[in-house]
Amino acid sequence: MAYKVLVLVKPKEDQPALERAAEFARFMPDLELVLFRVVTDFTEDKRTELEDRYKREVGALMSRYPSIQNWRVQVDFADDVARAFCNYAGKKSEQFDLALISANRRHTLKDLFFSPIDSQITRSVPIPVLVVKDAQAPQRLDRAIVLAIDFDEANHEKFIDEVLITAAKIFAENFNGEVHVLNCVPPVHGGLMGGDTHLSIMMGSSKPSTRPEIHTAALYEFADKHGIPHERCHVAEGRVDEMIPRVCSNLEARMVCMGTSSRDGVLSAFDQSASELVLEQIKGDIFIVNRHVRYDQSNLHD
């Protein structure tokens, strides 16, 4: 079955997402790409002229990527790039498997108050999305593909874990990688009303008695189910927005796979601002499945 990917084309020379798509195409010759170019500066009387112009420009750009054989250009006219991209990604007539975007840089005061396009897309896009920061980075990193799962989240949606582990294994198989699973144990702030948070004595002495032990047990159960060796399982105590980048740095991870549940943000255990910190600090690609993605079956094909 052909794999269909929606790629956001930037209005600039550097195209990390397209470079990663070209890498995918080398081992997936039937890969089908829709190259999505959003035009924000337009007038109604110039739409046809502009559409032809930008289709030619994207066509010329594709001469750099001979490995990509199956592609077409979709030009959209809109004031909001992220919204236009997300709306098209959700079109039932297209049935996309993956969105592929380039990460934007955050260097201005404005970025503290208005999220860049990539952040808006990762929050709302209704299909899995791969964010590429530097297309050359994985060549300088190690083999680890880190799957970050929050086993402590009350509204944890297990179907997302299955999508993530499937994707992580596919990436590992095709990029000479190895899957690692990371679970963070966030600090507990009991406050003035805090009490004893240890497990009841009814659990028995053979049961895990500390939060790290509980997380480790859940992690090993997941790893055993999916054939991940325990030496590739990691439990980190601390804020997830600090621990995920730290573990990824220690492993020189080439990719991170993360999900969300019922709250906003990457890994629902922390807020959106923290997820932005993770996105900014990780060197490799980031594969994200947000809470808007819904499946009857996995969208990913082995």
Foldseek 3Di string as FASTA:
>chain_A
DEAEEEEEADPDLDFLLVLVVLVVLVVRVRHAYEYEYEDADDDPVCVVVVVVVVQVVVVVSCVVRVSHDHYHYDYHYDNQPLVVSLVVLPDPVRLHAEYEYEDDDDDDPVCVPDPDSVLSNLQRRQHKYKYFHHNCLLVVFDQEEEEEDEPPDPQDDCVLVVLQVVVSVVCCVSVVHAYAYEYEAADDDQPPVRDDPWDDCVVDPVDDTDPQSVVLVVQVVVCVVVVHDSVRYYYHYHDPLPVVLVVCVVRRHQEYEFEEADDTDTDPVDDNVSNVSNVVRHRHMYIYNYHSHDDPDHSDDD
